[in-house]
Amino acid sequence: MDQRDLLTLESAVTAIDEAASAVAREVERDRLRETSLARLATVEAELTRSRIAVEKIIKEETR
């Protein structure tokens, strides 16, 4: 994996973090129905799992 690929993965981590933060802010506003909040919480958890997976790939490739 070359440097450009690593930068792309690092950009993906940043984008995932930004999306997760946006979802968390929406959940905190507590203006949505309970079912919508539950779905957003699930999305936030999935984004966190995705970030961890991408970070693991980066770590493995930079060893």
C-alpha atoms as a PDB file:
ATOM      1  CA  MET A   1       0.000   0.000   0.000  1.00  0.00           C
ATOM      2  CA  ASP A   2       1.491   3.333  -0.994  1.00  0.00           C
ATOM      3  CA  GLN A   3       1.379   6.704   0.758  1.00  0.00           C
ATOM      4  CA  ARG A   4      -1.579   7.904  -1.336  1.00  0.00           C
ATOM      5  CA  ASP A   5      -3.643   4.888  -0.284  1.00  0.00           C
ATOM      6  CA  LEU A   6      -2.833   5.554   3.373  1.00  0.00           C
ATOM      7  CA  LEU A   7      -3.844   9.196   3.006  1.00  0.00           C
ATOM      8  CA  THR A   8      -7.117   8.074   1.458  1.00  0.00           C
ATOM      9  CA  LEU A   9      -7.771   5.759   4.401  1.00  0.00           C
ATOM     10  CA  GLU A  10      -6.890   8.498   6.885  1.00  0.00           C
ATOM     11  CA  SER A  11      -9.320  10.810   5.074  1.00  0.00           C
ATOM     12  CA  ALA A  12     -11.962   8.110   5.382  1.00  0.00           C
ATOM     13  CA  VAL A  13     -11.373   7.960   9.141  1.00  0.00           C
ATOM     14  CA  THR A  14     -11.819  11.725   9.350  1.00  0.00           C
ATOM     15  CA  ALA A  15     -15.033  11.582   7.318  1.00  0.00           C
ATOM     16  CA  ILE A  16     -16.381   8.770   9.499  1.00  0.00           C
ATOM     17  CA  ASP A  17     -15.578  10.774  12.643  1.00  0.00           C
ATOM     18  CA  GLU A  18     -17.366  13.818  11.233  1.00  0.00           C
ATOM     19  CA  ALA A  19     -20.420  11.757  10.310  1.00  0.00           C
ATOM     20  CA  ALA A  20     -20.503  10.105  13.733  1.00  0.00           C
ATOM     21  CA  SER A  21     -20.281  13.517  15.400  1.00  0.00           C
ATOM     22  CA  ALA A  22     -23.159  14.834  13.303  1.00  0.00           C
ATOM     23  CA  VAL A  23     -25.268  11.824  14.233  1.00  0.00           C
ATOM     24  CA  ALA A  24     -24.389  12.218  17.923  1.00  0.00           C
ATOM     25  CA  ARG A  25     -25.400  15.900  17.831  1.00  0.00           C
ATOM     26  CA  GLU A  26     -28.738  15.000  16.283  1.00  0.00           C
ATOM     27  CA  VAL A  27     -29.346  12.346  18.940  1.00  0.00           C
ATOM     28  CA  GLU A  28     -28.459  14.838  21.684  1.00  0.00           C
ATOM     29  CA  ARG A  29     -30.965  17.372  20.345  1.00  0.00           C
ATOM     30  CA  ASP A  30     -33.679  14.867  21.219  1.00  0.00           C
ATOM     31  CA  ARG A  31     -36.150  16.374  18.724  1.00  0.00           C
ATOM     32  CA  LEU A  32     -36.863  13.168  16.863  1.00  0.00           C
ATOM     33  CA  ARG A  33     -39.205  10.336  17.619  1.00  0.00           C
ATOM     34  CA  GLU A  34     -37.875   7.438  19.638  1.00  0.00           C
ATOM     35  CA  THR A  35     -37.705   5.107  16.642  1.00  0.00           C
ATOM     36  CA  SER A  36     -35.663   7.638  14.664  1.00  0.00           C
ATOM     37  CA  LEU A  37     -33.340   8.175  17.619  1.00  0.00           C
ATOM     38  CA  ALA A  38     -32.836   4.432  17.938  1.00  0.00           C
ATOM     39  CA  ARG A  39     -31.945   4.168  14.249  1.00  0.00           C
ATOM     40  CA  LEU A  40     -29.509   7.070  14.538  1.00  0.00           C
ATOM     41  CA  ALA A  41     -27.880   5.449  17.556  1.00  0.00           C
ATOM     42  CA  THR A  42     -27.440   2.297  15.473  1.00  0.00           C
ATOM     43  CA  VAL A  43     -25.890   4.330  12.655  1.00  0.00           C
ATOM     44  CA  GLU A  44     -23.511   5.958  15.129  1.00  0.00           C
ATOM     45  CA  ALA A  45     -22.426   2.539  16.417  1.00  0.00           C
ATOM     46  CA  GLU A  46     -21.897   1.269  12.853  1.00  0.00           C
ATOM     47  CA  LEU A  47     -19.795   4.329  12.016  1.00  0.00           C
ATOM     48  CA  THR A  48     -17.668   3.723  15.087  1.00  0.00           C
ATOM     49  CA  ARG A  49     -17.130   0.083  14.092  1.00  0.00           C
ATOM     50  CA  SER A  50     -16.186   1.205  10.580  1.00  0.00           C
ATOM     51  CA  ARG A  51     -13.678   3.713  11.929  1.00  0.00           C
ATOM     52  CA  ILE A  52     -12.076   1.048  14.106  1.00  0.00           C
ATOM     53  CA  ALA A  53     -11.845  -1.323  11.130  1.00  0.00           C
ATOM     54  CA  VAL A  54     -10.198   1.304   8.914  1.00  0.00           C
ATOM     55  CA  GLU A  55      -7.784   2.275  11.696  1.00  0.00           C
ATOM     56  CA  LYS A  56      -6.855  -1.393  12.067  1.00  0.00           C
ATOM     57  CA  ILE A  57      -6.089  -1.606   8.339  1.00  0.00           C
ATOM     58  CA  ILE A  58      -3.929   1.511   8.566  1.00  0.00           C
ATOM     59  CA  LYS A  59      -2.047   0.097  11.535  1.00  0.00           C
ATOM     60  CA  GLU A  60      -1.456  -3.245   9.782  1.00  0.00           C
ATOM     61  CA  GLU A  61      -0.265  -1.588   6.586  1.00  0.00           C
ATOM     62  CA  THR A  62       2.159   0.753   8.327  1.00  0.00           C
ATOM     63  CA  ARG A  63       4.006  -1.966  10.241  1.00  0.00           C
END
